[in-house]
Amino acid sequence: MTPKTRIHLIRHGEVERQCYNGHYDVGLTPRGVEQYHGLKPRLEPGRITALYTSDLTRTRRGGEILGAYLGVAPVALPELRELNCGAWEGLTLSEVQKQRPEEWAARLADVVNFRAPGGESLTDLAGRVLPVLSDLVEKHRGEEVLVVAHGGVNRIVLLDAIGAPLSSMFAIDQKYCALNIVDYYADGNRVVQLING
């Protein structure tokens, strides 16, 4: 059988601020912490050999909680950060629509290539995340790896795994502490086992 790397891909728990957080280092709510603890029965100690998070608090805290349970030390990678929302960071959707209507219209016209001032596009995000994921898959060939990341990051990974375009970004839901599972085979094949579980 072709060796595979299984990636258990988790979105972070519920956060304190419901807005465009992006690179903003927002903390978790008590419910967000509990959501991480609720994932423990779904992850089997002894099977997962490595754990990676972004370097933002909302994922690093999950790495600490789950890493202690699994007996694996988390490694923080800045490349796994959420989409940089630039000038939109800290604003709610309604605030963006009211305060920056021209930018909002531009985003609706080209969701893939639009960048908020000072931020990233989905193309930029994919260019940052996918090479790192590929490195992790190769580094841990034949192993099971836990990655704690963000809604946008996870969607990029899942779209790539199923061969869907970035324009389908919001066709995939990612609830807080959603669990996704993707198997990466050495021959290049990929099988998505679970989305938004």
N, C-alpha and C. Protein backbone atom coordinates (compact mmCIF):
# COMPACT_ATOMS: atom_id res chain seq x y z
N MET A 1 0.84 -1.19 0.00
CA MET A 1 0.00 0.00 0.00
C MET A 1 0.89 1.25 0.00
N THR A 2 0.46 2.27 -0.75
CA THR A 2 1.22 3.51 -0.82
C THR A 2 1.20 4.22 0.53
N PRO A 3 2.38 4.61 1.06
CA PRO A 3 2.39 5.29 2.36
C PRO A 3 1.63 6.60 2.30
N LYS A 4 0.93 6.89 3.36
CA LYS A 4 0.17 8.14 3.40
C LYS A 4 0.51 8.93 4.64
N THR A 5 0.29 10.23 4.55
CA THR A 5 0.33 11.11 5.71
C THR A 5 -1.10 11.54 5.98
N ARG A 6 -1.57 11.31 7.18
CA ARG A 6 -2.92 11.76 7.53
C ARG A 6 -2.82 13.07 8.30
N ILE A 7 -3.48 14.09 7.77
CA ILE A 7 -3.53 15.40 8.41
C ILE A 7 -4.89 15.56 9.09
N HIS A 8 -4.86 15.71 10.41
CA HIS A 8 -6.05 16.08 11.17
C HIS A 8 -6.02 17.60 11.28
N LEU A 9 -6.92 18.27 10.61
CA LEU A 9 -6.90 19.73 10.46
C LEU A 9 -8.05 20.33 11.26
N ILE A 10 -7.71 21.15 12.23
CA ILE A 10 -8.70 21.71 13.15
C ILE A 10 -8.73 23.23 13.02
N ARG A 11 -9.94 23.78 13.08
CA ARG A 11 -10.06 25.23 13.23
C ARG A 11 -10.01 25.55 14.72
N HIS A 12 -9.53 26.73 15.05
CA HIS A 12 -9.46 27.15 16.46
C HIS A 12 -10.85 27.26 17.08
N GLY A 13 -10.89 27.36 18.40
CA GLY A 13 -12.14 27.50 19.14
C GLY A 13 -12.70 28.92 19.05
N GLU A 14 -13.86 29.08 19.64
CA GLU A 14 -14.58 30.37 19.61
C GLU A 14 -13.71 31.48 20.18
N VAL A 15 -13.75 32.64 19.51
CA VAL A 15 -12.90 33.76 19.90
C VAL A 15 -13.72 34.89 20.52
N GLU A 16 -13.01 35.80 21.20
CA GLU A 16 -13.65 36.88 21.94
C GLU A 16 -14.27 37.93 21.04
N ARG A 17 -13.70 38.15 19.88
CA ARG A 17 -14.19 39.21 18.99
C ARG A 17 -14.67 38.62 17.67
N GLN A 18 -15.93 38.86 17.34
CA GLN A 18 -16.52 38.37 16.09
C GLN A 18 -16.35 39.45 15.03
N CYS A 19 -15.22 39.43 14.37
CA CYS A 19 -14.91 40.44 13.36
C CYS A 19 -13.85 39.87 12.43
N TYR A 20 -13.33 40.71 11.53
CA TYR A 20 -12.19 40.29 10.71
C TYR A 20 -10.95 40.30 11.60
N ASN A 21 -10.61 39.13 12.13
CA ASN A 21 -9.47 39.05 13.05
C ASN A 21 -8.15 38.89 12.32
N GLY A 22 -8.12 38.07 11.26
CA GLY A 22 -6.90 37.92 10.49
C GLY A 22 -5.68 37.67 11.35
N HIS A 23 -4.71 38.58 11.30
CA HIS A 23 -3.49 38.46 12.08
C HIS A 23 -3.64 39.07 13.48
N TYR A 24 -4.80 39.67 13.75
CA TYR A 24 -5.05 40.23 15.07
C TYR A 24 -5.06 39.09 16.09
N ASP A 25 -4.34 39.26 17.19
CA ASP A 25 -4.13 38.15 18.13
C ASP A 25 -5.22 38.12 19.19
N VAL A 26 -6.41 37.79 18.77
CA VAL A 26 -7.58 37.74 19.65
C VAL A 26 -7.54 36.47 20.50
N GLY A 27 -8.07 36.56 21.72
CA GLY A 27 -8.09 35.41 22.61
C GLY A 27 -9.34 34.56 22.45
N LEU A 28 -9.35 33.45 23.16
CA LEU A 28 -10.48 32.53 23.14
C LEU A 28 -11.48 32.88 24.24
N THR A 29 -12.74 32.57 23.99
CA THR A 29 -13.74 32.63 25.05
C THR A 29 -13.61 31.37 25.91
N PRO A 30 -14.22 31.34 27.10
CA PRO A 30 -14.25 30.09 27.87
C PRO A 30 -14.85 28.94 27.06
N ARG A 31 -15.86 29.24 26.24
CA ARG A 31 -16.45 28.20 25.40
C ARG A 31 -15.43 27.70 24.38
N GLY A 32 -14.61 28.62 23.86
CA GLY A 32 -13.58 28.21 22.91
C GLY A 32 -12.59 27.24 23.51
N VAL A 33 -12.22 27.47 24.78
CA VAL A 33 -11.32 26.56 25.48
C VAL A 33 -11.99 25.20 25.65
N GLU A 34 -13.26 25.22 26.04
CA GLU A 34 -14.00 23.96 26.23
C GLU A 34 -14.14 23.19 24.92
N GLN A 35 -14.28 23.91 23.83
CA GLN A 35 -14.37 23.23 22.53
C GLN A 35 -13.12 22.41 22.24
N TYR A 36 -11.96 22.94 22.59
CA TYR A 36 -10.73 22.17 22.42
C TYR A 36 -10.75 20.91 23.28
N HIS A 37 -11.16 21.06 24.52
CA HIS A 37 -11.24 19.88 25.40
C HIS A 37 -12.23 18.86 24.84
N GLY A 38 -13.29 19.35 24.21
CA GLY A 38 -14.29 18.45 23.64
C GLY A 38 -13.78 17.62 22.47
N LEU A 39 -12.68 18.06 21.88
CA LEU A 39 -12.10 17.30 20.76
C LEU A 39 -11.29 16.09 21.22
N LYS A 40 -10.89 16.07 22.47
CA LYS A 40 -9.99 15.02 22.96
C LYS A 40 -10.48 13.60 22.64
N PRO A 41 -11.76 13.28 22.89
CA PRO A 41 -12.19 11.90 22.62
C PRO A 41 -12.10 11.50 21.14
N ARG A 42 -11.96 12.48 20.26
CA ARG A 42 -11.91 12.20 18.82
C ARG A 42 -10.48 12.02 18.31
N LEU A 43 -9.51 12.25 19.19
CA LEU A 43 -8.10 12.13 18.82
C LEU A 43 -7.46 11.06 19.68
N GLU A 44 -6.73 10.17 19.07
CA GLU A 44 -6.20 9.02 19.78
C GLU A 44 -4.73 9.21 20.15
N PRO A 45 -4.43 9.30 21.45
CA PRO A 45 -3.02 9.40 21.85
C PRO A 45 -2.23 8.20 21.34
N GLY A 46 -1.00 8.47 20.92
CA GLY A 46 -0.15 7.41 20.41
C GLY A 46 -0.17 7.31 18.90
N ARG A 47 -1.21 7.83 18.27
CA ARG A 47 -1.29 7.78 16.80
C ARG A 47 -0.76 9.06 16.17
N ILE A 48 -1.06 10.18 16.79
CA ILE A 48 -0.60 11.47 16.26
C ILE A 48 0.81 11.74 16.76
N THR A 49 1.73 11.93 15.83
CA THR A 49 3.15 12.03 16.17
C THR A 49 3.70 13.46 16.13
N ALA A 50 2.93 14.39 15.56
CA ALA A 50 3.40 15.77 15.46
C ALA A 50 2.20 16.71 15.51
N LEU A 51 2.44 17.92 15.99
CA LEU A 51 1.37 18.90 16.15
C LEU A 51 1.89 20.28 15.77
N TYR A 52 1.18 20.94 14.86
CA TYR A 52 1.57 22.27 14.40
C TYR A 52 0.40 23.23 14.55
N THR A 53 0.70 24.48 14.89
CA THR A 53 -0.31 25.52 14.99
C THR A 53 0.22 26.77 14.29
N SER A 54 -0.66 27.74 14.09
CA SER A 54 -0.14 29.06 13.72
C SER A 54 0.47 29.67 14.98
N ASP A 55 1.05 30.84 14.86
CA ASP A 55 1.68 31.46 16.03
C ASP A 55 0.75 32.43 16.73
N LEU A 56 -0.55 32.39 16.42
CA LEU A 56 -1.53 33.25 17.08
C LEU A 56 -2.14 32.53 18.28
N THR A 57 -2.51 33.30 19.30
CA THR A 57 -2.96 32.75 20.57
C THR A 57 -4.12 31.77 20.41
N ARG A 58 -5.06 32.06 19.53
CA ARG A 58 -6.26 31.22 19.42
C ARG A 58 -5.95 29.81 18.91
N THR A 59 -4.84 29.63 18.21
CA THR A 59 -4.44 28.28 17.80
C THR A 59 -3.38 27.70 18.75
N ARG A 60 -2.47 28.54 19.22
CA ARG A 60 -1.43 28.04 20.13
C ARG A 60 -2.03 27.47 21.41
N ARG A 61 -3.09 28.12 21.91
CA ARG A 61 -3.75 27.62 23.13
C ARG A 61 -4.32 26.22 22.88
N GLY A 62 -4.91 26.02 21.71
CA GLY A 62 -5.41 24.69 21.36
C GLY A 62 -4.29 23.69 21.25
N GLY A 63 -3.15 24.12 20.70
CA GLY A 63 -2.00 23.24 20.61
C GLY A 63 -1.51 22.80 21.98
N GLU A 64 -1.55 23.72 22.93
CA GLU A 64 -1.14 23.39 24.30
C GLU A 64 -2.09 22.37 24.92
N ILE A 65 -3.40 22.61 24.78
CA ILE A 65 -4.40 21.72 25.37
C ILE A 65 -4.33 20.33 24.75
N LEU A 66 -4.34 20.28 23.41
CA LEU A 66 -4.37 18.99 22.74
C LEU A 66 -3.01 18.30 22.78
N GLY A 67 -1.95 19.09 22.74
CA GLY A 67 -0.61 18.50 22.82
C GLY A 67 -0.37 17.81 24.15
N ALA A 68 -0.85 18.42 25.24
CA ALA A 68 -0.71 17.80 26.56
C ALA A 68 -1.47 16.48 26.62
N TYR A 69 -2.64 16.45 26.01
CA TYR A 69 -3.44 15.22 25.98
C TYR A 69 -2.80 14.13 25.13
N LEU A 70 -2.22 14.54 24.00
CA LEU A 70 -1.65 13.58 23.06
C LEU A 70 -0.20 13.22 23.37
N GLY A 71 0.43 13.99 24.25
CA GLY A 71 1.83 13.76 24.55
C GLY A 71 2.76 14.20 23.44
N VAL A 72 2.35 15.27 22.74
CA VAL A 72 3.13 15.79 21.60
C VAL A 72 3.35 17.29 21.81
N ALA A 73 4.57 17.76 21.66
CA ALA A 73 4.87 19.18 21.82
C ALA A 73 4.45 19.97 20.58
N PRO A 74 3.63 21.01 20.74
CA PRO A 74 3.22 21.79 19.57
C PRO A 74 4.34 22.68 19.04
N VAL A 75 4.34 22.85 17.73
CA VAL A 75 5.29 23.74 17.05
C VAL A 75 4.48 24.82 16.35
N ALA A 76 4.79 26.09 16.62
CA ALA A 76 4.06 27.21 16.03
C ALA A 76 4.75 27.67 14.75
N LEU A 77 3.97 27.79 13.68
CA LEU A 77 4.48 28.23 12.38
C LEU A 77 3.71 29.48 11.94
N PRO A 78 4.37 30.62 11.78
CA PRO A 78 3.67 31.84 11.35
C PRO A 78 3.02 31.70 9.98
N GLU A 79 3.53 30.78 9.15
CA GLU A 79 2.96 30.60 7.81
C GLU A 79 1.52 30.06 7.87
N LEU A 80 1.12 29.52 9.02
CA LEU A 80 -0.23 28.99 9.17
C LEU A 80 -1.22 30.02 9.70
N ARG A 81 -0.81 31.28 9.78
CA ARG A 81 -1.72 32.34 10.22
C ARG A 81 -2.91 32.48 9.25
N GLU A 82 -3.98 33.06 9.79
CA GLU A 82 -5.16 33.36 9.00
C GLU A 82 -4.81 34.41 7.92
N LEU A 83 -5.70 34.57 6.96
CA LEU A 83 -5.58 35.61 5.94
C LEU A 83 -5.36 36.96 6.61
N ASN A 84 -4.35 37.68 6.17
CA ASN A 84 -4.11 39.04 6.66
C ASN A 84 -5.16 39.96 6.05
N CYS A 85 -6.04 40.50 6.90
CA CYS A 85 -7.14 41.34 6.42
C CYS A 85 -6.78 42.81 6.36
N GLY A 86 -5.52 43.15 6.65
CA GLY A 86 -5.06 44.52 6.49
C GLY A 86 -5.91 45.52 7.25
N ALA A 87 -6.38 46.55 6.54
CA ALA A 87 -7.15 47.63 7.15
C ALA A 87 -8.51 47.18 7.66
N TRP A 88 -8.94 45.99 7.28
CA TRP A 88 -10.23 45.48 7.75
C TRP A 88 -10.13 44.83 9.13
N GLU A 89 -8.94 44.57 9.60
CA GLU A 89 -8.81 43.84 10.86
C GLU A 89 -9.42 44.62 12.01
N GLY A 90 -10.19 43.91 12.82
CA GLY A 90 -10.89 44.53 13.94
C GLY A 90 -12.26 45.07 13.59
N LEU A 91 -12.61 45.09 12.30
CA LEU A 91 -13.92 45.57 11.87
C LEU A 91 -14.88 44.40 11.69
N THR A 92 -16.15 44.64 11.96
CA THR A 92 -17.17 43.63 11.68
C THR A 92 -17.55 43.72 10.20
N LEU A 93 -18.28 42.72 9.72
CA LEU A 93 -18.75 42.74 8.34
C LEU A 93 -19.57 43.98 8.06
N SER A 94 -20.50 44.32 8.94
CA SER A 94 -21.36 45.49 8.70
C SER A 94 -20.54 46.78 8.71
N GLU A 95 -19.50 46.85 9.56
CA GLU A 95 -18.64 48.04 9.57
C GLU A 95 -17.87 48.17 8.27
N VAL A 96 -17.37 47.08 7.73
CA VAL A 96 -16.68 47.13 6.44
C VAL A 96 -17.64 47.61 5.36
N GLN A 97 -18.83 47.04 5.33
CA GLN A 97 -19.81 47.40 4.30
C GLN A 97 -20.20 48.88 4.37
N LYS A 98 -20.29 49.43 5.58
CA LYS A 98 -20.68 50.83 5.75
C LYS A 98 -19.51 51.79 5.57
N GLN A 99 -18.34 51.45 6.13
CA GLN A 99 -17.21 52.37 6.13
C GLN A 99 -16.35 52.26 4.88
N ARG A 100 -16.37 51.10 4.20
CA ARG A 100 -15.50 50.86 3.05
C ARG A 100 -16.29 50.22 1.91
N PRO A 101 -17.36 50.87 1.47
CA PRO A 101 -18.25 50.25 0.48
C PRO A 101 -17.57 49.94 -0.86
N GLU A 102 -16.64 50.79 -1.29
CA GLU A 102 -15.96 50.54 -2.57
C GLU A 102 -15.07 49.29 -2.47
N GLU A 103 -14.39 49.15 -1.34
CA GLU A 103 -13.57 47.96 -1.15
C GLU A 103 -14.44 46.70 -1.06
N TRP A 104 -15.57 46.82 -0.38
CA TRP A 104 -16.47 45.67 -0.26
C TRP A 104 -16.98 45.25 -1.64
N ALA A 105 -17.32 46.22 -2.46
CA ALA A 105 -17.79 45.92 -3.82
C ALA A 105 -16.69 45.25 -4.64
N ALA A 106 -15.44 45.71 -4.45
CA ALA A 106 -14.31 45.12 -5.17
C ALA A 106 -14.10 43.68 -4.73
N ARG A 107 -14.29 43.41 -3.46
CA ARG A 107 -14.15 42.04 -2.97
C ARG A 107 -15.21 41.14 -3.58
N LEU A 108 -16.44 41.62 -3.62
CA LEU A 108 -17.52 40.82 -4.21
C LEU A 108 -17.27 40.55 -5.69
N ALA A 109 -16.63 41.49 -6.36
CA ALA A 109 -16.36 41.34 -7.79
C ALA A 109 -15.23 40.36 -8.07
N ASP A 110 -14.29 40.18 -7.13
CA ASP A 110 -13.15 39.28 -7.35
C ASP A 110 -12.64 38.77 -6.01
N VAL A 111 -13.35 37.81 -5.45
CA VAL A 111 -13.03 37.31 -4.10
C VAL A 111 -11.65 36.65 -4.05
N VAL A 112 -11.18 36.14 -5.17
CA VAL A 112 -9.90 35.43 -5.19
C VAL A 112 -8.71 36.38 -5.13
N ASN A 113 -8.77 37.47 -5.87
CA ASN A 113 -7.60 38.36 -5.99
C ASN A 113 -7.70 39.65 -5.19
N PHE A 114 -8.86 39.91 -4.58
CA PHE A 114 -9.01 41.14 -3.81
C PHE A 114 -8.12 41.13 -2.57
N ARG A 115 -7.49 42.28 -2.31
CA ARG A 115 -6.72 42.49 -1.08
C ARG A 115 -7.26 43.73 -0.38
N ALA A 116 -7.63 43.59 0.90
CA ALA A 116 -7.89 44.79 1.69
C ALA A 116 -6.58 45.56 1.79
N PRO A 117 -6.63 46.90 1.89
CA PRO A 117 -5.39 47.66 1.97
C PRO A 117 -4.46 47.12 3.05
N GLY A 118 -3.24 46.77 2.66
CA GLY A 118 -2.26 46.23 3.58
C GLY A 118 -2.43 44.75 3.87
N GLY A 119 -3.37 44.10 3.19
CA GLY A 119 -3.66 42.70 3.48
C GLY A 119 -3.25 41.75 2.36
N GLU A 120 -3.81 40.54 2.42
CA GLU A 120 -3.51 39.49 1.45
C GLU A 120 -4.76 39.13 0.66
N SER A 121 -4.54 38.56 -0.51
CA SER A 121 -5.62 37.95 -1.29
C SER A 121 -5.66 36.46 -0.98
N LEU A 122 -6.71 35.79 -1.44
CA LEU A 122 -6.77 34.34 -1.27
C LEU A 122 -5.63 33.67 -2.03
N THR A 123 -5.24 34.23 -3.15
CA THR A 123 -4.10 33.70 -3.91
C THR A 123 -2.83 33.80 -3.07
N ASP A 124 -2.66 34.94 -2.39
CA ASP A 124 -1.50 35.11 -1.50
C ASP A 124 -1.53 34.07 -0.38
N LEU A 125 -2.71 33.89 0.21
CA LEU A 125 -2.84 32.94 1.32
C LEU A 125 -2.49 31.53 0.87
N ALA A 126 -3.01 31.13 -0.27
CA ALA A 126 -2.69 29.79 -0.79
C ALA A 126 -1.19 29.65 -1.04
N GLY A 127 -0.58 30.70 -1.56
CA GLY A 127 0.86 30.67 -1.83
C GLY A 127 1.69 30.59 -0.57
N ARG A 128 1.14 31.02 0.55
CA ARG A 128 1.84 30.96 1.84
C ARG A 128 1.62 29.63 2.54
N VAL A 129 0.37 29.13 2.49
CA VAL A 129 -0.01 27.95 3.28
C VAL A 129 0.36 26.63 2.60
N LEU A 130 0.07 26.50 1.32
CA LEU A 130 0.21 25.19 0.67
C LEU A 130 1.65 24.66 0.62
N PRO A 131 2.66 25.49 0.38
CA PRO A 131 4.02 24.95 0.42
C PRO A 131 4.40 24.42 1.80
N VAL A 132 3.95 25.09 2.86
CA VAL A 132 4.26 24.63 4.21
C VAL A 132 3.56 23.31 4.49
N LEU A 133 2.30 23.21 4.07
CA LEU A 133 1.57 21.95 4.26
C LEU A 133 2.26 20.82 3.50
N SER A 134 2.69 21.09 2.29
CA SER A 134 3.39 20.08 1.50
C SER A 134 4.66 19.61 2.20
N ASP A 135 5.38 20.55 2.81
CA ASP A 135 6.60 20.19 3.55
C ASP A 135 6.27 19.30 4.74
N LEU A 136 5.17 19.61 5.44
CA LEU A 136 4.78 18.80 6.60
C LEU A 136 4.38 17.39 6.17
N VAL A 137 3.67 17.30 5.06
CA VAL A 137 3.26 15.99 4.55
C VAL A 137 4.48 15.14 4.24
N GLU A 138 5.48 15.72 3.58
CA GLU A 138 6.68 14.96 3.23
C GLU A 138 7.53 14.65 4.46
N LYS A 139 7.62 15.58 5.36
CA LYS A 139 8.42 15.38 6.58
C LYS A 139 7.86 14.25 7.43
N HIS A 140 6.55 14.09 7.41
CA HIS A 140 5.89 13.11 8.27
C HIS A 140 5.24 11.98 7.46
N ARG A 141 5.88 11.59 6.39
CA ARG A 141 5.35 10.52 5.54
C ARG A 141 5.08 9.26 6.37
N GLY A 142 3.88 8.73 6.25
CA GLY A 142 3.49 7.53 6.97
C GLY A 142 3.00 7.80 8.39
N GLU A 143 2.90 9.08 8.77
CA GLU A 143 2.49 9.43 10.13
C GLU A 143 1.13 10.14 10.12
N GLU A 144 0.62 10.39 11.33
CA GLU A 144 -0.58 11.19 11.50
C GLU A 144 -0.20 12.47 12.22
N VAL A 145 -0.64 13.60 11.66
CA VAL A 145 -0.22 14.91 12.12
C VAL A 145 -1.46 15.75 12.44
N LEU A 146 -1.41 16.49 13.53
CA LEU A 146 -2.48 17.41 13.89
C LEU A 146 -2.05 18.83 13.56
N VAL A 147 -2.91 19.56 12.85
CA VAL A 147 -2.65 20.96 12.51
C VAL A 147 -3.82 21.78 13.04
N VAL A 148 -3.53 22.75 13.90
CA VAL A 148 -4.55 23.65 14.44
C VAL A 148 -4.38 25.00 13.76
N ALA A 149 -5.35 25.36 12.95
CA ALA A 149 -5.21 26.57 12.13
C ALA A 149 -6.50 27.39 12.17
N HIS A 150 -6.85 27.98 11.04
CA HIS A 150 -7.92 28.98 10.96
C HIS A 150 -8.89 28.62 9.85
N GLY A 151 -10.07 29.24 9.89
CA GLY A 151 -11.09 28.94 8.89
C GLY A 151 -10.60 29.13 7.46
N GLY A 152 -9.95 30.25 7.20
CA GLY A 152 -9.47 30.50 5.84
C GLY A 152 -8.37 29.56 5.43
N VAL A 153 -7.44 29.32 6.33
CA VAL A 153 -6.34 28.39 6.06
C VAL A 153 -6.90 27.00 5.75
N ASN A 154 -7.83 26.53 6.59
CA ASN A 154 -8.40 25.20 6.40
C ASN A 154 -9.12 25.08 5.07
N ARG A 155 -9.86 26.10 4.71
CA ARG A 155 -10.58 26.06 3.42
C ARG A 155 -9.59 25.96 2.25
N ILE A 156 -8.49 26.70 2.34
CA ILE A 156 -7.46 26.63 1.29
C ILE A 156 -6.95 25.20 1.16
N VAL A 157 -6.64 24.57 2.29
CA VAL A 157 -6.13 23.20 2.29
C VAL A 157 -7.15 22.24 1.70
N LEU A 158 -8.41 22.38 2.11
CA LEU A 158 -9.46 21.47 1.64
C LEU A 158 -9.76 21.66 0.16
N LEU A 159 -9.80 22.91 -0.30
CA LEU A 159 -10.02 23.15 -1.73
C LEU A 159 -8.91 22.53 -2.56
N ASP A 160 -7.67 22.69 -2.10
CA ASP A 160 -6.54 22.10 -2.80
C ASP A 160 -6.66 20.58 -2.83
N ALA A 161 -7.09 19.99 -1.71
CA ALA A 161 -7.18 18.53 -1.62
C ALA A 161 -8.22 17.96 -2.58
N ILE A 162 -9.31 18.69 -2.81
CA ILE A 162 -10.36 18.18 -3.70
C ILE A 162 -10.23 18.74 -5.12
N GLY A 163 -9.23 19.57 -5.35
CA GLY A 163 -9.01 20.12 -6.68
C GLY A 163 -10.01 21.19 -7.07
N ALA A 164 -10.57 21.89 -6.08
CA ALA A 164 -11.56 22.94 -6.36
C ALA A 164 -10.88 24.31 -6.43
N PRO A 165 -11.45 25.26 -7.16
CA PRO A 165 -10.84 26.58 -7.30
C PRO A 165 -11.02 27.41 -6.03
N LEU A 166 -10.16 28.41 -5.88
CA LEU A 166 -10.25 29.31 -4.74
C LEU A 166 -11.57 30.08 -4.71
N SER A 167 -12.19 30.23 -5.86
CA SER A 167 -13.48 30.92 -5.91
C SER A 167 -14.57 30.17 -5.15
N SER A 168 -14.32 28.91 -4.83
CA SER A 168 -15.27 28.10 -4.05
C SER A 168 -15.00 28.18 -2.55
N MET A 169 -14.18 29.12 -2.14
CA MET A 169 -13.73 29.25 -0.75
C MET A 169 -14.86 29.13 0.26
N PHE A 170 -15.96 29.81 0.01
CA PHE A 170 -17.01 29.86 1.01
C PHE A 170 -18.10 28.83 0.78
N ALA A 171 -17.81 27.85 -0.08
CA ALA A 171 -18.70 26.70 -0.24
C ALA A 171 -18.42 25.64 0.83
N ILE A 172 -17.36 25.85 1.60
CA ILE A 172 -16.98 24.93 2.67
C ILE A 172 -17.13 25.66 4.00
N ASP A 173 -17.91 25.08 4.90
CA ASP A 173 -18.07 25.67 6.22
C ASP A 173 -16.96 25.18 7.14
N GLN A 174 -16.60 26.02 8.09
CA GLN A 174 -15.63 25.65 9.12
C GLN A 174 -16.09 26.23 10.44
N LYS A 175 -16.85 25.44 11.21
CA LYS A 175 -17.31 25.89 12.52
C LYS A 175 -16.12 25.92 13.48
N TYR A 176 -16.31 26.57 14.62
CA TYR A 176 -15.25 26.58 15.62
C TYR A 176 -14.91 25.16 16.06
N CYS A 177 -13.62 24.86 16.09
CA CYS A 177 -13.08 23.53 16.43
C CYS A 177 -13.58 22.44 15.49
N ALA A 178 -13.89 22.81 14.25
CA ALA A 178 -14.20 21.81 13.23
C ALA A 178 -13.00 20.89 13.04
N LEU A 179 -13.29 19.61 12.83
CA LEU A 179 -12.25 18.63 12.53
C LEU A 179 -12.38 18.19 11.08
N ASN A 180 -11.27 18.26 10.36
CA ASN A 180 -11.18 17.79 8.98
C ASN A 180 -10.05 16.76 8.93
N ILE A 181 -10.19 15.79 8.05
CA ILE A 181 -9.15 14.77 7.90
C ILE A 181 -8.85 14.59 6.42
N VAL A 182 -7.58 14.70 6.06
CA VAL A 182 -7.15 14.51 4.68
C VAL A 182 -5.97 13.54 4.67
N ASP A 183 -6.05 12.52 3.80
CA ASP A 183 -4.95 11.58 3.60
C ASP A 183 -4.18 11.97 2.34
N TYR A 184 -2.86 12.09 2.48
CA TYR A 184 -1.97 12.44 1.37
C TYR A 184 -1.08 11.23 1.08
N TYR A 185 -1.20 10.70 -0.13
CA TYR A 185 -0.44 9.52 -0.52
C TYR A 185 0.83 9.93 -1.25
N ALA A 186 1.84 9.07 -1.18
CA ALA A 186 3.14 9.36 -1.79
C ALA A 186 3.05 9.48 -3.31
N ASP A 187 2.03 8.86 -3.90
CA ASP A 187 1.87 8.95 -5.36
C ASP A 187 1.14 10.22 -5.80
N GLY A 188 0.84 11.10 -4.84
CA GLY A 188 0.19 12.37 -5.16
C GLY A 188 -1.31 12.38 -4.97
N ASN A 189 -1.90 11.22 -4.79
CA ASN A 189 -3.35 11.17 -4.55
C ASN A 189 -3.68 11.72 -3.18
N ARG A 190 -4.89 12.29 -3.08
CA ARG A 190 -5.38 12.84 -1.82
C ARG A 190 -6.81 12.38 -1.63
N VAL A 191 -7.14 12.03 -0.41
CA VAL A 191 -8.51 11.62 -0.09
C VAL A 191 -8.98 12.38 1.13
N VAL A 192 -10.06 13.13 0.96
CA VAL A 192 -10.64 13.87 2.08
C VAL A 192 -11.58 12.90 2.80
N GLN A 193 -11.28 12.65 4.06
CA GLN A 193 -12.08 11.71 4.86
C GLN A 193 -13.17 12.40 5.65
N LEU A 194 -12.97 13.67 6.00
CA LEU A 194 -13.93 14.39 6.85
C LEU A 194 -13.78 15.88 6.62
N ILE A 195 -14.92 16.59 6.55
CA ILE A 195 -14.94 18.05 6.46
C ILE A 195 -15.91 18.59 7.50
N ASN A 196 -15.44 19.57 8.28
CA ASN A 196 -16.29 20.30 9.22
C ASN A 196 -16.97 19.39 10.22
N GLY A 197 -16.26 18.32 10.64
CA GLY A 197 -16.83 17.37 11.58
C GLY A 197 -16.81 17.86 13.01
